Amino acid sequence: MPDRLNLQKIFSAPDVKHGLSLFNSDEINAIKKLIIEQEGKYFIK
């Protein structure tokens, strides 16, 4: 499962409309459970 650093990479990408700071810790933990990795890239289900 990706750590917070990987979440920051996902949400700091230039094509992402929303930043990680919009979420509280409970929401971040819920997002972590939805993330999958394929070929070195992370996706939210």
Protein backbone atom coordinates (compact mmCIF):
# COMPACT_ATOMS: atom_id res chain seq x y z
CA MET A 1 0.00 0.00 0.00
CA PRO A 2 1.43 3.42 -0.88
CA ASP A 3 2.57 5.67 1.91
CA ARG A 4 1.80 9.35 2.37
CA LEU A 5 4.72 10.33 0.12
CA ASN A 6 3.18 8.42 -2.79
CA LEU A 7 -0.17 10.08 -2.08
CA GLN A 8 1.56 13.45 -2.19
CA LYS A 9 3.09 12.55 -5.55
CA ILE A 10 -0.34 11.63 -6.92
CA PHE A 11 -2.05 14.78 -5.68
CA SER A 12 0.80 17.14 -6.61
CA ALA A 13 0.84 16.09 -10.26
CA PRO A 14 0.20 19.09 -12.54
CA ASP A 15 -2.91 17.51 -14.07
CA VAL A 16 -4.61 16.85 -10.70
CA LYS A 17 -7.26 19.43 -9.82
CA HIS A 18 -7.32 18.91 -6.03
CA GLY A 19 -4.49 18.85 -3.52
CA LEU A 20 -3.96 16.49 -0.60
CA SER A 21 -4.54 19.34 1.87
CA LEU A 22 -8.27 19.22 1.05
CA PHE A 23 -8.60 15.92 2.95
CA ASN A 24 -8.48 15.14 6.68
CA SER A 25 -6.57 12.12 8.04
CA ASP A 26 -9.63 9.82 8.01
CA GLU A 27 -10.30 10.66 4.38
CA ILE A 28 -6.63 10.13 3.49
CA ASN A 29 -6.70 6.69 5.11
CA ALA A 30 -9.85 5.84 3.13
CA ILE A 31 -8.13 6.96 -0.08
CA LYS A 32 -5.09 4.79 0.71
CA LYS A 33 -7.35 1.72 0.71
CA LEU A 34 -8.57 2.56 -2.81
CA ILE A 35 -5.15 2.99 -4.40
CA ILE A 36 -3.69 0.31 -6.64
CA GLU A 37 -0.32 0.15 -8.37
CA GLN A 38 0.12 -1.03 -11.95
CA GLU A 39 3.47 -0.97 -13.74
CA GLY A 40 4.91 1.58 -11.32
CA LYS A 41 1.93 3.96 -11.60
CA TYR A 42 -0.69 4.53 -8.93
CA PHE A 43 -4.42 4.70 -9.59
CA ILE A 44 -7.47 5.28 -7.39
CA LYS A 45 -10.17 2.63 -7.98
